[in-house]
PDB file of all heavy atoms in Angstrom:
ATOM      1  N   THR A   1      21.203  83.759  25.263  1.00  0.00           N
ATOM      2  CA  THR A   1      21.109  85.200  25.027  1.00  0.00           C
ATOM      3  C   THR A   1      20.860  85.993  26.307  1.00  0.00           C
ATOM      4  O   THR A   1      21.159  87.182  26.356  1.00  0.00           O
ATOM      5  CB  THR A   1      19.981  85.511  24.016  1.00  0.00           C
ATOM      6  OG1 THR A   1      18.778  84.865  24.448  1.00  0.00           O
ATOM      7  CG2 THR A   1      20.352  85.013  22.629  1.00  0.00           C
ATOM      8  N   ASP A   2      20.338  85.348  27.362  1.00  0.00           N
ATOM      9  CA  ASP A   2      20.058  86.058  28.606  1.00  0.00           C
ATOM     10  C   ASP A   2      21.237  86.042  29.578  1.00  0.00           C
ATOM     11  O   ASP A   2      21.157  86.618  30.661  1.00  0.00           O
ATOM     12  CB  ASP A   2      18.822  85.477  29.279  1.00  0.00           C
ATOM     13  CG  ASP A   2      19.002  84.021  29.668  1.00  0.00           C
ATOM     14  OD1 ASP A   2      19.834  83.331  29.047  1.00  0.00           O
ATOM     15  OD2 ASP A   2      18.297  83.559  30.592  1.00  0.00           O
ATOM     16  N   LEU A   3      22.345  85.415  29.201  1.00  0.00           N
ATOM     17  CA  LEU A   3      23.512  85.352  30.077  1.00  0.00           C
ATOM     18  C   LEU A   3      24.331  86.633  29.989  1.00  0.00           C
ATOM     19  O   LEU A   3      24.389  87.277  28.941  1.00  0.00           O
ATOM     20  CB  LEU A   3      24.410  84.173  29.687  1.00  0.00           C
ATOM     21  CG  LEU A   3      23.834  82.768  29.846  1.00  0.00           C
ATOM     22  CD1 LEU A   3      24.844  81.735  29.354  1.00  0.00           C
ATOM     23  CD2 LEU A   3      23.450  82.502  31.295  1.00  0.00           C
ATOM     24  N   PRO A   4      25.011  86.985  31.085  1.00  0.00           N
ATOM     25  CA  PRO A   4      25.939  88.117  31.014  1.00  0.00           C
ATOM     26  C   PRO A   4      27.054  87.822  30.015  1.00  0.00           C
ATOM     27  O   PRO A   4      27.354  86.652  29.737  1.00  0.00           O
ATOM     28  CB  PRO A   4      26.511  88.210  32.437  1.00  0.00           C
ATOM     29  CG  PRO A   4      25.669  87.338  33.284  1.00  0.00           C
ATOM     30  CD  PRO A   4      24.942  86.387  32.397  1.00  0.00           C
ATOM     31  N   SER A   5      27.683  88.861  29.488  1.00  0.00           N
ATOM     32  CA  SER A   5      28.675  88.669  28.425  1.00  0.00           C
ATOM     33  C   SER A   5      29.830  87.762  28.840  1.00  0.00           C
ATOM     34  O   SER A   5      30.290  86.951  28.032  1.00  0.00           O
ATOM     35  CB  SER A   5      29.206  90.016  27.943  1.00  0.00           C
ATOM     36  OG  SER A   5      29.796  90.716  29.020  1.00  0.00           O
ATOM     37  N   PHE A   6      30.299  87.842  30.099  1.00  0.00           N
ATOM     38  CA  PHE A   6      31.409  86.981  30.510  1.00  0.00           C
ATOM     39  C   PHE A   6      31.013  85.506  30.451  1.00  0.00           C
ATOM     40  O   PHE A   6      31.819  84.646  30.107  1.00  0.00           O
ATOM     41  CB  PHE A   6      31.932  87.349  31.915  1.00  0.00           C
ATOM     42  CG  PHE A   6      31.099  86.833  33.046  1.00  0.00           C
ATOM     43  CD1 PHE A   6      31.390  85.596  33.623  1.00  0.00           C
ATOM     44  CD2 PHE A   6      30.042  87.560  33.557  1.00  0.00           C
ATOM     45  CE1 PHE A   6      30.625  85.110  34.680  1.00  0.00           C
ATOM     46  CE2 PHE A   6      29.270  87.088  34.603  1.00  0.00           C
ATOM     47  CZ  PHE A   6      29.572  85.854  35.168  1.00  0.00           C
ATOM     48  N   ALA A   7      29.767  85.199  30.757  1.00  0.00           N
ATOM     49  CA  ALA A   7      29.285  83.812  30.728  1.00  0.00           C
ATOM     50  C   ALA A   7      28.960  83.377  29.302  1.00  0.00           C
ATOM     51  O   ALA A   7      29.182  82.231  28.935  1.00  0.00           O
ATOM     52  CB  ALA A   7      28.069  83.659  31.624  1.00  0.00           C
ATOM     53  N   ARG A   8      28.427  84.283  28.503  1.00  0.00           N
ATOM     54  CA  ARG A   8      28.085  83.956  27.114  1.00  0.00           C
ATOM     55  C   ARG A   8      29.350  83.640  26.319  1.00  0.00           C
ATOM     56  O   ARG A   8      29.362  82.757  25.478  1.00  0.00           O
ATOM     57  CB  ARG A   8      27.282  85.080  26.479  1.00  0.00           C
ATOM     58  CG  ARG A   8      26.462  84.638  25.304  1.00  0.00           C
ATOM     59  CD  ARG A   8      25.455  85.656  24.796  1.00  0.00           C
ATOM     60  NE  ARG A   8      25.880  87.033  24.808  1.00  0.00           N
ATOM     61  CZ  ARG A   8      25.426  87.952  25.669  1.00  0.00           C
ATOM     62  NH1 ARG A   8      24.540  87.633  26.582  1.00  0.00           N
ATOM     63  NH2 ARG A   8      25.850  89.203  25.605  1.00  0.00           N
ATOM     64  N   ALA A   9      30.443  84.343  26.628  1.00  0.00           N
ATOM     65  CA  ALA A   9      31.712  84.063  25.966  1.00  0.00           C
ATOM     66  C   ALA A   9      32.176  82.635  26.280  1.00  0.00           C
ATOM     67  O   ALA A   9      32.738  81.950  25.437  1.00  0.00           O
ATOM     68  CB  ALA A   9      32.768  85.062  26.416  1.00  0.00           C
ATOM     69  N   PHE A  10      31.866  82.176  27.465  1.00  0.00           N
ATOM     70  CA  PHE A  10      32.226  80.824  27.883  1.00  0.00           C
ATOM     71  C   PHE A  10      31.259  79.793  27.293  1.00  0.00           C
ATOM     72  O   PHE A  10      31.655  78.739  26.812  1.00  0.00           O
ATOM     73  CB  PHE A  10      32.214  80.747  29.418  1.00  0.00           C
ATOM     74  CG  PHE A  10      32.395  79.373  29.970  1.00  0.00           C
ATOM     75  CD1 PHE A  10      33.637  78.773  29.992  1.00  0.00           C
ATOM     76  CD2 PHE A  10      31.306  78.667  30.482  1.00  0.00           C
ATOM     77  CE1 PHE A  10      33.813  77.500  30.498  1.00  0.00           C
ATOM     78  CE2 PHE A  10      31.467  77.392  30.992  1.00  0.00           C
ATOM     79  CZ  PHE A  10      32.725  76.808  31.002  1.00  0.00           C
ATOM     80  N   ALA A  11      29.951  80.105  27.318  1.00  0.00           N
ATOM     81  CA  ALA A  11      28.919  79.145  26.922  1.00  0.00           C
ATOM     82  C   ALA A  11      28.716  79.070  25.404  1.00  0.00           C
ATOM     83  O   ALA A  11      28.331  78.017  24.894  1.00  0.00           O
ATOM     84  CB  ALA A  11      27.586  79.495  27.586  1.00  0.00           C
ATOM     85  N   GLY A  12      28.916  80.155  24.696  1.00  0.00           N
ATOM     86  CA  GLY A  12      28.646  80.177  23.273  1.00  0.00           C
ATOM     87  C   GLY A  12      27.244  80.683  22.977  1.00  0.00           C
ATOM     88  O   GLY A  12      26.534  81.150  23.867  1.00  0.00           O
ATOM     89  N   ASP A  13      26.825  80.560  21.719  1.00  0.00           N
ATOM     90  CA  ASP A  13      25.514  81.065  21.292  1.00  0.00           C
ATOM     91  C   ASP A  13      24.366  80.213  21.821  1.00  0.00           C
ATOM     92  O   ASP A  13      23.234  80.663  21.934  1.00  0.00           O
ATOM     93  CB  ASP A  13      25.428  81.123  19.768  1.00  0.00           C
ATOM     94  CG  ASP A  13      26.373  82.155  19.184  1.00  0.00           C
ATOM     95  OD1 ASP A  13      26.684  83.148  19.882  1.00  0.00           O
ATOM     96  OD2 ASP A  13      26.811  81.963  18.036  1.00  0.00           O
ATOM     97  N   SER A  14      24.661  78.955  22.109  1.00  0.00           N
ATOM     98  CA  SER A  14      23.686  78.058  22.715  1.00  0.00           C
ATOM     99  C   SER A  14      24.478  77.058  23.551  1.00  0.00           C
ATOM    100  O   SER A  14      25.695  76.950  23.419  1.00  0.00           O
ATOM    101  CB  SER A  14      22.852  77.332  21.646  1.00  0.00           C
ATOM    102  OG  SER A  14      23.683  76.542  20.824  1.00  0.00           O
ATOM    103  N   SER A  15      23.778  76.368  24.413  1.00  0.00           N
ATOM    104  CA  SER A  15      24.446  75.424  25.292  1.00  0.00           C
ATOM    105  C   SER A  15      23.638  74.130  25.348  1.00  0.00           C
ATOM    106  O   SER A  15      22.420  74.162  25.516  1.00  0.00           O
ATOM    107  CB  SER A  15      24.573  76.025  26.696  1.00  0.00           C
ATOM    108  OG  SER A  15      25.270  75.150  27.538  1.00  0.00           O
ATOM    109  N   ARG A  16      24.331  73.022  25.193  1.00  0.00           N
ATOM    110  CA  ARG A  16      23.676  71.716  25.267  1.00  0.00           C
ATOM    111  C   ARG A  16      23.741  71.217  26.707  1.00  0.00           C
ATOM    112  O   ARG A  16      24.784  71.284  27.360  1.00  0.00           O
ATOM    113  CB  ARG A  16      24.383  70.730  24.345  1.00  0.00           C
ATOM    114  CG  ARG A  16      23.743  69.372  24.313  1.00  0.00           C
ATOM    115  CD  ARG A  16      24.414  68.479  23.290  1.00  0.00           C
ATOM    116  NE  ARG A  16      23.879  67.137  23.361  1.00  0.00           N
ATOM    117  CZ  ARG A  16      24.587  66.058  23.107  1.00  0.00           C
ATOM    118  NH1 ARG A  16      25.860  66.163  22.727  1.00  0.00           N
ATOM    119  NH2 ARG A  16      24.038  64.872  23.203  1.00  0.00           N
ATOM    120  N   ALA A  17      22.625  70.736  27.198  1.00  0.00           N
ATOM    121  CA  ALA A  17      22.547  70.158  28.537  1.00  0.00           C
ATOM    122  C   ALA A  17      21.856  68.808  28.443  1.00  0.00           C
ATOM    123  O   ALA A  17      20.832  68.669  27.777  1.00  0.00           O
ATOM    124  CB  ALA A  17      21.785  71.075  29.483  1.00  0.00           C
ATOM    125  N   ILE A  18      22.430  67.825  29.117  1.00  0.00           N
ATOM    126  CA  ILE A  18      21.834  66.494  29.178  1.00  0.00           C
ATOM    127  C   ILE A  18      21.490  66.233  30.638  1.00  0.00           C
ATOM    128  O   ILE A  18      22.369  66.132  31.491  1.00  0.00           O
ATOM    129  CB  ILE A  18      22.787  65.415  28.638  1.00  0.00           C
ATOM    130  CG1 ILE A  18      23.184  65.739  27.194  1.00  0.00           C
ATOM    131  CG2 ILE A  18      22.121  64.027  28.731  1.00  0.00           C
ATOM    132  CD1 ILE A  18      24.290  64.867  26.647  1.00  0.00           C
ATOM    133  N   GLN A  19      20.205  66.151  30.905  1.00  0.00           N
ATOM    134  CA  GLN A  19      19.713  65.920  32.263  1.00  0.00           C
ATOM    135  C   GLN A  19      19.390  64.432  32.401  1.00  0.00           C
ATOM    136  O   GLN A  19      18.642  63.882  31.598  1.00  0.00           O
ATOM    137  CB  GLN A  19      18.454  66.758  32.493  1.00  0.00           C
ATOM    138  CG  GLN A  19      17.803  66.574  33.832  1.00  0.00           C
ATOM    139  CD  GLN A  19      16.628  67.520  34.009  1.00  0.00           C
ATOM    140  OE1 GLN A  19      16.618  68.632  33.502  1.00  0.00           O
ATOM    141  NE2 GLN A  19      15.628  67.066  34.748  1.00  0.00           N
ATOM    142  N   ARG A  20      19.973  63.813  33.421  1.00  0.00           N
ATOM    143  CA  ARG A  20      19.729  62.384  33.684  1.00  0.00           C
ATOM    144  C   ARG A  20      19.162  62.230  35.090  1.00  0.00           C
ATOM    145  O   ARG A  20      19.738  62.739  36.048  1.00  0.00           O
ATOM    146  CB  ARG A  20      21.016  61.587  33.569  1.00  0.00           C
ATOM    147  CG  ARG A  20      21.638  61.623  32.195  1.00  0.00           C
ATOM    148  CD  ARG A  20      22.941  60.812  32.140  1.00  0.00           C
ATOM    149  NE  ARG A  20      23.660  61.045  30.908  1.00  0.00           N
ATOM    150  CZ  ARG A  20      23.403  60.449  29.755  1.00  0.00           C
ATOM    151  NH1 ARG A  20      22.429  59.569  29.694  1.00  0.00           N
ATOM    152  NH2 ARG A  20      24.105  60.724  28.671  1.00  0.00           N
ATOM    153  N   GLU A  21      18.044  61.528  35.175  1.00  0.00           N
ATOM    154  CA  GLU A  21      17.456  61.212  36.473  1.00  0.00           C
ATOM    155  C   GLU A  21      17.269  59.709  36.570  1.00  0.00           C
ATOM    156  O   GLU A  21      16.850  59.071  35.607  1.00  0.00           O
ATOM    157  CB  GLU A  21      16.100  61.911  36.643  1.00  0.00           C
ATOM    158  CG  GLU A  21      16.197  63.415  36.678  1.00  0.00           C
ATOM    159  CD  GLU A  21      14.844  64.100  36.804  1.00  0.00           C
ATOM    160  OE1 GLU A  21      13.855  63.441  37.222  1.00  0.00           O
ATOM    161  OE2 GLU A  21      14.766  65.299  36.477  1.00  0.00           O
ATOM    162  N   GLU A  22      17.609  59.176  37.723  1.00  0.00           N
ATOM    163  CA  GLU A  22      17.403  57.757  38.020  1.00  0.00           C
ATOM    164  C   GLU A  22      16.565  57.678  39.288  1.00  0.00           C
ATOM    165  O   GLU A  22      17.043  57.969  40.378  1.00  0.00           O
ATOM    166  CB  GLU A  22      18.745  57.034  38.238  1.00  0.00           C
ATOM    167  CG  GLU A  22      19.620  56.961  37.012  1.00  0.00           C
ATOM    168  CD  GLU A  22      19.053  56.074  35.915  1.00  0.00           C
ATOM    169  OE1 GLU A  22      18.277  55.141  36.212  1.00  0.00           O
ATOM    170  OE2 GLU A  22      19.385  56.334  34.738  1.00  0.00           O
ATOM    171  N   TRP A  23      15.302  57.311  39.126  1.00  0.00           N
ATOM    172  CA  TRP A  23      14.383  57.192  40.253  1.00  0.00           C
ATOM    173  C   TRP A  23      14.303  55.726  40.656  1.00  0.00           C
ATOM    174  O   TRP A  23      13.826  54.896  39.897  1.00  0.00           O
ATOM    175  CB  TRP A  23      13.008  57.720  39.872  1.00  0.00           C
ATOM    176  CG  TRP A  23      12.982  59.207  39.737  1.00  0.00           C
ATOM    177  CD1 TRP A  23      13.542  59.955  38.745  1.00  0.00           C
ATOM    178  CD2 TRP A  23      12.394  60.125  40.648  1.00  0.00           C
ATOM    179  NE1 TRP A  23      13.334  61.290  38.977  1.00  0.00           N
ATOM    180  CE2 TRP A  23      12.619  61.424  40.136  1.00  0.00           C
ATOM    181  CE3 TRP A  23      11.682  59.972  41.826  1.00  0.00           C
ATOM    182  CZ2 TRP A  23      12.164  62.557  40.790  1.00  0.00           C
ATOM    183  CZ3 TRP A  23      11.220  61.115  42.469  1.00  0.00           C
ATOM    184  CH2 TRP A  23      11.462  62.388  41.957  1.00  0.00           C
ATOM    185  N   ALA A  24      14.736  55.419  41.882  1.00  0.00           N
ATOM    186  CA  ALA A  24      14.701  54.052  42.394  1.00  0.00           C
ATOM    187  C   ALA A  24      13.286  53.660  42.823  1.00  0.00           C
ATOM    188  O   ALA A  24      12.908  52.498  42.768  1.00  0.00           O
ATOM    189  CB  ALA A  24      15.653  53.904  43.571  1.00  0.00           C
ATOM    190  N   ASP A  25      12.518  54.663  43.240  1.00  0.00           N
ATOM    191  CA  ASP A  25      11.138  54.437  43.668  1.00  0.00           C
ATOM    192  C   ASP A  25      10.408  55.774  43.618  1.00  0.00           C
ATOM    193  O   ASP A  25      10.952  56.760  43.130  1.00  0.00           O
ATOM    194  CB  ASP A  25      11.078  53.793  45.062  1.00  0.00           C
ATOM    195  CG  ASP A  25      11.785  54.624  46.125  1.00  0.00           C
ATOM    196  OD1 ASP A  25      11.736  55.879  46.064  1.00  0.00           O
ATOM    197  OD2 ASP A  25      12.402  54.032  47.025  1.00  0.00           O
ATOM    198  N   THR A  26       9.193  55.815  44.170  1.00  0.00           N
ATOM    199  CA  THR A  26       8.369  57.017  44.066  1.00  0.00           C
ATOM    200  C   THR A  26       8.787  58.126  45.029  1.00  0.00           C
ATOM    201  O   THR A  26       8.211  59.210  44.987  1.00  0.00           O
ATOM    202  CB  THR A  26       6.885  56.676  44.326  1.00  0.00           C
ATOM    203  OG1 THR A  26       6.773  56.113  45.639  1.00  0.00           O
ATOM    204  CG2 THR A  26       6.355  55.697  43.304  1.00  0.00           C
TER     205      THR A  26
END
């Protein structure tokens, strides 16, 4: 809802994001 209209038209009413982190060490 906080996106500009041009971006909201692209993203939709909500957007799914999958964040993946792989930490090899500290």
